[in-house]
PDB file of N, CA and C in Angstrom:
ATOM      1  N   MET A   1     118.602  56.702 128.806  1.00  0.00           N
ATOM      2  CA  MET A   1     119.405  57.505 129.486  1.00  0.00           C
ATOM      3  C   MET A   1     118.427  58.847 130.015  1.00  0.00           C
ATOM      4  N   SER A   2     117.318  58.861 129.418  1.00  0.00           N
ATOM      5  CA  SER A   2     116.137  59.880 129.800  1.00  0.00           C
ATOM      6  C   SER A   2     115.563  59.471 131.063  1.00  0.00           C
ATOM      7  N   ASN A   3     115.555  58.051 131.588  1.00  0.00           N
ATOM      8  CA  ASN A   3     115.317  57.494 132.697  1.00  0.00           C
ATOM      9  C   ASN A   3     116.392  58.185 133.836  1.00  0.00           C
ATOM     10  N   LYS A   4     117.485  57.855 133.576  1.00  0.00           N
ATOM     11  CA  LYS A   4     118.522  58.289 134.653  1.00  0.00           C
ATOM     12  C   LYS A   4     118.335  60.000 134.910  1.00  0.00           C
ATOM     13  N   VAL A   5     118.066  60.618 133.876  1.00  0.00           N
ATOM     14  CA  VAL A   5     117.931  62.153 134.060  1.00  0.00           C
ATOM     15  C   VAL A   5     116.730  62.352 134.765  1.00  0.00           C
ATOM     16  N   LEU A   6     115.638  61.542 134.537  1.00  0.00           N
ATOM     17  CA  LEU A   6     114.410  61.713 135.306  1.00  0.00           C
ATOM     18  C   LEU A   6     114.567  61.473 136.588  1.00  0.00           C
ATOM     19  N   GLU A   7     115.270  60.336 136.908  1.00  0.00           N
ATOM     20  CA  GLU A   7     115.357  59.922 138.262  1.00  0.00           C
ATOM     21  C   GLU A   7     116.155  61.026 139.132  1.00  0.00           C
ATOM     22  N   HIS A   8     117.064  61.720 138.462  1.00  0.00           N
ATOM     23  CA  HIS A   8     117.740  62.835 139.321  1.00  0.00           C
ATOM     24  C   HIS A   8     116.904  63.978 139.517  1.00  0.00           C
ATOM     25  N   ILE A   9     116.255  64.497 138.344  1.00  0.00           N
ATOM     26  CA  ILE A   9     115.495  65.605 138.381  1.00  0.00           C
ATOM     27  C   ILE A   9     114.230  65.390 139.421  1.00  0.00           C
ATOM     28  N   ALA A  10     113.420  64.343 139.399  1.00  0.00           N
ATOM     29  CA  ALA A  10     112.377  64.030 140.182  1.00  0.00           C
ATOM     30  C   ALA A  10     112.818  63.168 141.484  1.00  0.00           C
ATOM     31  N   MET A  11     113.741  63.179 141.863  1.00  0.00           N
ATOM     32  CA  MET A  11     114.389  62.228 142.938  1.00  0.00           C
ATOM     33  C   MET A  11     113.318  62.234 144.041  1.00  0.00           C
ATOM     34  N   LYS A  12     112.875  63.451 144.462  1.00  0.00           N
ATOM     35  CA  LYS A  12     112.139  63.219 145.779  1.00  0.00           C
ATOM     36  C   LYS A  12     110.523  63.259 145.551  1.00  0.00           C
ATOM     37  N   TYR A  13     110.240  63.341 144.062  1.00  0.00           N
ATOM     38  CA  TYR A  13     108.862  63.463 143.805  1.00  0.00           C
ATOM     39  C   TYR A  13     108.490  62.016 142.979  1.00  0.00           C
ATOM     40  N   CYS A  14     108.058  61.065 143.657  1.00  0.00           N
ATOM     41  CA  CYS A  14     107.851  59.731 143.029  1.00  0.00           C
ATOM     42  C   CYS A  14     106.657  59.704 142.211  1.00  0.00           C
ATOM     43  N   SER A  15     105.462  60.367 142.609  1.00  0.00           N
ATOM     44  CA  SER A  15     104.384  60.403 141.546  1.00  0.00           C
ATOM     45  C   SER A  15     104.667  61.272 140.443  1.00  0.00           C
ATOM     46  N   VAL A  16     105.505  62.216 140.584  1.00  0.00           N
ATOM     47  CA  VAL A  16     105.927  63.096 139.349  1.00  0.00           C
ATOM     48  C   VAL A  16     106.737  62.262 138.233  1.00  0.00           C
ATOM     49  N   ARG A  17     107.597  61.477 138.963  1.00  0.00           N
ATOM     50  CA  ARG A  17     108.520  60.761 138.164  1.00  0.00           C
ATOM     51  C   ARG A  17     107.705  59.445 137.495  1.00  0.00           C
ATOM     52  N   GLU A  18     106.805  58.842 138.370  1.00  0.00           N
ATOM     53  CA  GLU A  18     105.983  57.775 137.519  1.00  0.00           C
ATOM     54  C   GLU A  18     105.195  58.394 136.443  1.00  0.00           C
ATOM     55  N   GLY A  19     104.600  59.619 136.543  1.00  0.00           N
ATOM     56  CA  GLY A  19     103.635  60.337 135.762  1.00  0.00           C
ATOM     57  C   GLY A  19     104.709  60.645 134.588  1.00  0.00           C
ATOM     58  N   VAL A  20     105.848  61.129 134.656  1.00  0.00           N
ATOM     59  CA  VAL A  20     106.425  61.426 133.433  1.00  0.00           C
ATOM     60  C   VAL A  20     106.967  59.994 132.476  1.00  0.00           C
ATOM     61  N   LYS A  21     107.207  59.088 133.350  1.00  0.00           N
ATOM     62  CA  LYS A  21     107.468  57.710 132.745  1.00  0.00           C
ATOM     63  C   LYS A  21     106.321  57.197 131.888  1.00  0.00           C
ATOM     64  N   ALA A  22     105.128  57.475 132.552  1.00  0.00           N
ATOM     65  CA  ALA A  22     103.946  56.772 131.839  1.00  0.00           C
ATOM     66  C   ALA A  22     103.650  57.726 130.537  1.00  0.00           C
ATOM     67  N   VAL A  23     103.936  58.963 130.452  1.00  0.00           N
ATOM     68  CA  VAL A  23     103.726  59.833 129.303  1.00  0.00           C
ATOM     69  C   VAL A  23     104.764  59.678 128.399  1.00  0.00           C
ATOM     70  N   MET A  24     106.032  59.455 128.572  1.00  0.00           N
ATOM     71  CA  MET A  24     107.200  59.076 127.559  1.00  0.00           C
ATOM     72  C   MET A  24     107.081  57.943 127.233  1.00  0.00           C
ATOM     73  N   GLY A  25     106.784  56.977 127.968  1.00  0.00           N
ATOM     74  CA  GLY A  25     106.466  55.429 127.467  1.00  0.00           C
ATOM     75  C   GLY A  25     107.595  54.871 126.813  1.00  0.00           C
ATOM     76  N   GLY A  26     108.918  55.514 126.903  1.00  0.00           N
ATOM     77  CA  GLY A  26     109.919  54.852 126.135  1.00  0.00           C
ATOM     78  C   GLY A  26     110.017  55.144 124.619  1.00  0.00           C
ATOM     79  N   LYS A  27     109.339  56.185 124.439  1.00  0.00           N
ATOM     80  CA  LYS A  27     109.288  56.516 122.965  1.00  0.00           C
ATOM     81  C   LYS A  27     110.756  57.308 122.758  1.00  0.00           C
ATOM     82  N   VAL A  28     111.269  57.061 121.517  1.00  0.00           N
ATOM     83  CA  VAL A  28     112.621  57.603 121.073  1.00  0.00           C
ATOM     84  C   VAL A  28     112.161  59.147 120.523  1.00  0.00           C
ATOM     85  N   LEU A  29     112.700  60.062 121.248  1.00  0.00           N
ATOM     86  CA  LEU A  29     112.271  61.475 120.555  1.00  0.00           C
ATOM     87  C   LEU A  29     113.074  61.754 119.120  1.00  0.00           C
ATOM     88  N   GLU A  30     112.265  62.535 118.494  1.00  0.00           N
ATOM     89  CA  GLU A  30     112.818  62.781 117.192  1.00  0.00           C
ATOM     90  C   GLU A  30     113.318  64.298 117.249  1.00  0.00           C
ATOM     91  N   TYR A  31     114.543  64.297 116.849  1.00  0.00           N
ATOM     92  CA  TYR A  31     115.151  65.939 117.001  1.00  0.00           C
ATOM     93  C   TYR A  31     115.920  66.279 115.602  1.00  0.00           C
ATOM     94  N   GLU A  32     116.262  67.545 115.534  1.00  0.00           N
ATOM     95  CA  GLU A  32     116.737  67.985 114.345  1.00  0.00           C
ATOM     96  C   GLU A  32     117.929  67.201 113.667  1.00  0.00           C
ATOM     97  N   ALA A  33     118.775  66.987 114.496  1.00  0.00           N
ATOM     98  CA  ALA A  33     120.022  66.368 114.067  1.00  0.00           C
ATOM     99  C   ALA A  33     119.766  64.929 113.390  1.00  0.00           C
ATOM    100  N   LYS A  34     118.957  64.227 114.170  1.00  0.00           N
ATOM    101  CA  LYS A  34     118.507  62.748 113.696  1.00  0.00           C
ATOM    102  C   LYS A  34     117.699  62.840 112.400  1.00  0.00           C
ATOM    103  N   SER A  35     117.118  63.768 112.330  1.00  0.00           N
ATOM    104  CA  SER A  35     116.193  63.946 110.962  1.00  0.00           C
ATOM    105  C   SER A  35     116.942  64.206 109.875  1.00  0.00           C
ATOM    106  N   ILE A  36     117.921  65.199 110.054  1.00  0.00           N
ATOM    107  CA  ILE A  36     118.976  65.777 108.989  1.00  0.00           C
ATOM    108  C   ILE A  36     119.734  64.461 108.601  1.00  0.00           C
ATOM    109  N   LYS A  37     120.211  63.700 109.548  1.00  0.00           N
ATOM    110  CA  LYS A  37     121.081  62.491 109.296  1.00  0.00           C
ATOM    111  C   LYS A  37     120.207  61.344 108.554  1.00  0.00           C
ATOM    112  N   ARG A  38     118.948  61.211 108.952  1.00  0.00           N
ATOM    113  CA  ARG A  38     118.278  60.160 108.328  1.00  0.00           C
ATOM    114  C   ARG A  38     118.079  60.602 106.637  1.00  0.00           C
ATOM    115  N   GLU A  39     117.745  61.969 106.491  1.00  0.00           N
ATOM    116  CA  GLU A  39     117.565  62.429 105.278  1.00  0.00           C
ATOM    117  C   GLU A  39     118.845  62.267 104.433  1.00  0.00           C
ATOM    118  N   GLY A  40     119.897  62.562 105.132  1.00  0.00           N
ATOM    119  CA  GLY A  40     121.241  62.286 104.301  1.00  0.00           C
ATOM    120  C   GLY A  40     121.279  60.990 103.866  1.00  0.00           C
ATOM    121  N   ILE A  41     121.208  59.998 104.549  1.00  0.00           N
ATOM    122  CA  ILE A  41     121.347  58.465 104.339  1.00  0.00           C
ATOM    123  C   ILE A  41     120.286  58.090 103.104  1.00  0.00           C
ATOM    124  N   GLU A  42     119.005  58.581 103.263  1.00  0.00           N
ATOM    125  CA  GLU A  42     118.283  58.285 102.282  1.00  0.00           C
ATOM    126  C   GLU A  42     118.611  59.041 101.016  1.00  0.00           C
ATOM    127  N   LYS A  43     119.008  60.272 100.938  1.00  0.00           N
ATOM    128  CA  LYS A  43     119.657  60.958  99.704  1.00  0.00           C
ATOM    129  C   LYS A  43     120.704  59.939  99.078  1.00  0.00           C
ATOM    130  N   GLY A  44     121.667  59.508 100.027  1.00  0.00           N
ATOM    131  CA  GLY A  44     122.812  58.619  99.612  1.00  0.00           C
ATOM    132  C   GLY A  44     122.339  57.401  98.909  1.00  0.00           C
ATOM    133  N   ILE A  45     121.148  56.601  99.500  1.00  0.00           N
ATOM    134  CA  ILE A  45     121.067  55.531  99.072  1.00  0.00           C
ATOM    135  C   ILE A  45     119.988  55.921  97.413  1.00  0.00           C
ATOM    136  N   ARG A  46     119.451  56.818  97.571  1.00  0.00           N
ATOM    137  CA  ARG A  46     118.802  56.966  96.176  1.00  0.00           C
ATOM    138  C   ARG A  46     119.803  57.516  95.200  1.00  0.00           C
ATOM    139  N   GLY A  47     120.852  58.153  95.433  1.00  0.00           N
ATOM    140  CA  GLY A  47     121.922  58.284  94.417  1.00  0.00           C
ATOM    141  C   GLY A  47     122.680  57.084  94.132  1.00  0.00           C
ATOM    142  N   THR A  48     122.982  56.259  94.964  1.00  0.00           N
ATOM    143  CA  THR A  48     123.315  54.980  94.709  1.00  0.00           C
ATOM    144  C   THR A  48     122.590  53.990  93.750  1.00  0.00           C
ATOM    145  N   VAL A  49     121.155  53.998  94.097  1.00  0.00           N
ATOM    146  CA  VAL A  49     120.256  53.272  93.211  1.00  0.00           C
ATOM    147  C   VAL A  49     120.195  53.983  91.927  1.00  0.00           C
ATOM    148  N   SER A  50     120.140  55.196  91.668  1.00  0.00           N
ATOM    149  CA  SER A  50     120.408  56.001  90.516  1.00  0.00           C
ATOM    150  C   SER A  50     121.510  55.444  89.622  1.00  0.00           C
ATOM    151  N   ILE A  51     122.583  55.427  90.178  1.00  0.00           N
ATOM    152  CA  ILE A  51     123.865  55.141  89.407  1.00  0.00           C
ATOM    153  C   ILE A  51     123.637  53.568  89.246  1.00  0.00           C
ATOM    154  N   LEU A  52     123.337  52.788  89.951  1.00  0.00           N
ATOM    155  CA  LEU A  52     123.281  51.511  89.723  1.00  0.00           C
ATOM    156  C   LEU A  52     122.095  51.200  88.564  1.00  0.00           C
ATOM    157  N   LYS A  53     120.975  51.898  88.387  1.00  0.00           N
ATOM    158  CA  LYS A  53     120.241  51.850  87.414  1.00  0.00           C
ATOM    159  C   LYS A  53     120.825  52.224  86.227  1.00  0.00           C
ATOM    160  N   ASN A  54     121.509  53.291  86.113  1.00  0.00           N
ATOM    161  CA  ASN A  54     122.132  53.946  84.928  1.00  0.00           C
ATOM    162  C   ASN A  54     123.477  52.890  84.450  1.00  0.00           C
ATOM    163  N   LEU A  55     123.727  52.011  85.241  1.00  0.00           N
ATOM    164  CA  LEU A  55     124.665  51.183  84.887  1.00  0.00           C
ATOM    165  C   LEU A  55     123.958  49.946  84.434  1.00  0.00           C
ATOM    166  N   GLY A  56     122.645  50.023  84.372  1.00  0.00           N
ATOM    167  CA  GLY A  56     121.864  48.845  83.796  1.00  0.00           C
ATOM    168  C   GLY A  56     121.840  47.278  84.501  1.00  0.00           C
ATOM    169  N   LEU A  57     122.063  47.715  86.110  1.00  0.00           N
ATOM    170  CA  LEU A  57     121.692  46.399  86.927  1.00  0.00           C
ATOM    171  C   LEU A  57     120.246  46.322  86.962  1.00  0.00           C
ATOM    172  N   PRO A  58     119.944  45.012  86.941  1.00  0.00           N
ATOM    173  CA  PRO A  58     118.622  44.585  87.465  1.00  0.00           C
ATOM    174  C   PRO A  58     118.101  45.047  88.745  1.00  0.00           C
ATOM    175  N   PRO A  59     116.802  45.296  88.983  1.00  0.00           N
ATOM    176  CA  PRO A  59     116.360  45.707  90.189  1.00  0.00           C
ATOM    177  C   PRO A  59     116.674  44.701  91.132  1.00  0.00           C
ATOM    178  N   GLN A  60     116.541  43.482  91.029  1.00  0.00           N
ATOM    179  CA  GLN A  60     117.145  42.301  91.914  1.00  0.00           C
ATOM    180  C   GLN A  60     118.244  42.801  92.583  1.00  0.00           C
ATOM    181  N   THR A  61     119.486  42.900  91.562  1.00  0.00           N
ATOM    182  CA  THR A  61     120.755  43.115  91.920  1.00  0.00           C
ATOM    183  C   THR A  61     120.625  44.550  92.878  1.00  0.00           C
ATOM    184  N   ILE A  62     120.006  45.390  92.374  1.00  0.00           N
ATOM    185  CA  ILE A  62     120.248  46.760  93.050  1.00  0.00           C
ATOM    186  C   ILE A  62     119.893  46.768  94.482  1.00  0.00           C
ATOM    187  N   LEU A  63     118.584  45.939  94.469  1.00  0.00           N
ATOM    188  CA  LEU A  63     118.052  45.748  96.024  1.00  0.00           C
ATOM    189  C   LEU A  63     119.145  45.136  96.997  1.00  0.00           C
ATOM    190  N   LEU A  64     119.857  43.997  96.402  1.00  0.00           N
ATOM    191  CA  LEU A  64     120.837  43.057  97.164  1.00  0.00           C
ATOM    192  C   LEU A  64     122.100  44.073  97.434  1.00  0.00           C
ATOM    193  N   LYS A  65     122.329  44.822  96.502  1.00  0.00           N
ATOM    194  CA  LYS A  65     123.606  45.830  96.856  1.00  0.00           C
ATOM    195  C   LYS A  65     123.224  46.771  97.928  1.00  0.00           C
ATOM    196  N   ILE A  66     122.125  47.470  97.636  1.00  0.00           N
ATOM    197  CA  ILE A  66     121.829  48.650  98.752  1.00  0.00           C
ATOM    198  C   ILE A  66     121.447  47.984 100.143  1.00  0.00           C
ATOM    199  N   GLN A  67     121.138  46.589 100.223  1.00  0.00           N
ATOM    200  CA  GLN A  67     120.619  46.123 101.455  1.00  0.00           C
ATOM    201  C   GLN A  67     122.136  45.592 102.014  1.00  0.00           C
ATOM    202  N   GLU A  68     123.092  45.251 101.276  1.00  0.00           N
ATOM    203  CA  GLU A  68     124.504  45.052 101.921  1.00  0.00           C
ATOM    204  C   GLU A  68     125.068  46.187 102.376  1.00  0.00           C
ATOM    205  N   GLN A  69     125.158  47.293 101.364  1.00  0.00           N
ATOM    206  CA  GLN A  69     125.938  48.396 101.655  1.00  0.00           C
ATOM    207  C   GLN A  69     125.364  49.167 102.784  1.00  0.00           C
ATOM    208  N   TYR A  70     123.999  49.304 102.828  1.00  0.00           N
ATOM    209  CA  TYR A  70     123.418  50.294 103.951  1.00  0.00           C
ATOM    210  C   TYR A  70     122.706  49.409 104.967  1.00  0.00           C
ATOM    211  N   GLY A  71     122.912  48.067 105.200  1.00  0.00           N
ATOM    212  CA  GLY A  71     122.190  47.324 106.143  1.00  0.00           C
ATOM    213  C   GLY A  71     120.917  47.376 106.342  1.00  0.00           C
ATOM    214  N   LEU A  72     120.201  47.434 105.080  1.00  0.00           N
ATOM    215  CA  LEU A  72     118.428  47.506 105.031  1.00  0.00           C
ATOM    216  C   LEU A  72     117.954  46.065 105.005  1.00  0.00           C
ATOM    217  N   SER A  73     116.861  45.983 105.492  1.00  0.00           N
ATOM    218  CA  SER A  73     116.055  44.805 105.397  1.00  0.00           C
ATOM    219  C   SER A  73     115.531  44.715 103.928  1.00  0.00           C
ATOM    220  N   PRO A  74     115.195  43.638 103.519  1.00  0.00           N
ATOM    221  CA  PRO A  74     114.462  43.618 102.178  1.00  0.00           C
ATOM    222  C   PRO A  74     113.242  44.468 101.772  1.00  0.00           C
ATOM    223  N   GLU A  75     112.289  44.830 103.004  1.00  0.00           N
ATOM    224  CA  GLU A  75     111.104  45.442 102.978  1.00  0.00           C
ATOM    225  C   GLU A  75     111.589  46.958 102.833  1.00  0.00           C
ATOM    226  N   ALA A  76     112.683  47.418 103.706  1.00  0.00           N
ATOM    227  CA  ALA A  76     113.029  48.747 103.732  1.00  0.00           C
ATOM    228  C   ALA A  76     113.846  49.197 102.296  1.00  0.00           C
ATOM    229  N   SER A  77     114.338  48.319 101.650  1.00  0.00           N
ATOM    230  CA  SER A  77     115.264  48.439 100.285  1.00  0.00           C
ATOM    231  C   SER A  77     114.230  48.710  99.407  1.00  0.00           C
ATOM    232  N   LYS A  78     113.002  48.034  99.373  1.00  0.00           N
ATOM    233  CA  LYS A  78     112.094  48.411  98.123  1.00  0.00           C
ATOM    234  C   LYS A  78     111.729  49.659  97.994  1.00  0.00           C
ATOM    235  N   LYS A  79     111.605  50.425  99.061  1.00  0.00           N
ATOM    236  CA  LYS A  79     111.194  51.613  98.804  1.00  0.00           C
ATOM    237  C   LYS A  79     112.133  52.656  98.083  1.00  0.00           C
ATOM    238  N   PHE A  80     113.280  52.222  97.803  1.00  0.00           N
ATOM    239  CA  PHE A  80     114.210  52.908  96.963  1.00  0.00           C
ATOM    240  C   PHE A  80     114.201  52.684  95.465  1.00  0.00           C
ATOM    241  N   LEU A  81     113.490  51.750  95.044  1.00  0.00           N
ATOM    242  CA  LEU A  81     113.416  51.302  93.773  1.00  0.00           C
ATOM    243  C   LEU A  81     112.537  52.331  92.853  1.00  0.00           C
TER     244      LEU A  81
END
């Protein structure tokens, strides 16, 4: 989407357009709402893990449950144990 905005803003200025594209490099910008959402999801996962631990489920089962519920990879789920 940023490319479309850039195309319109710098329509007449090819060198500016190319320079901005080179600097941005397709990076996804981190913004406050995105950060807050990620933190909320992580807090929810930690809460789920805490409940499952209190219920006495083994770590491997907990990993599988949070992978399934939150769509996590095995590597990503391990940081929550």
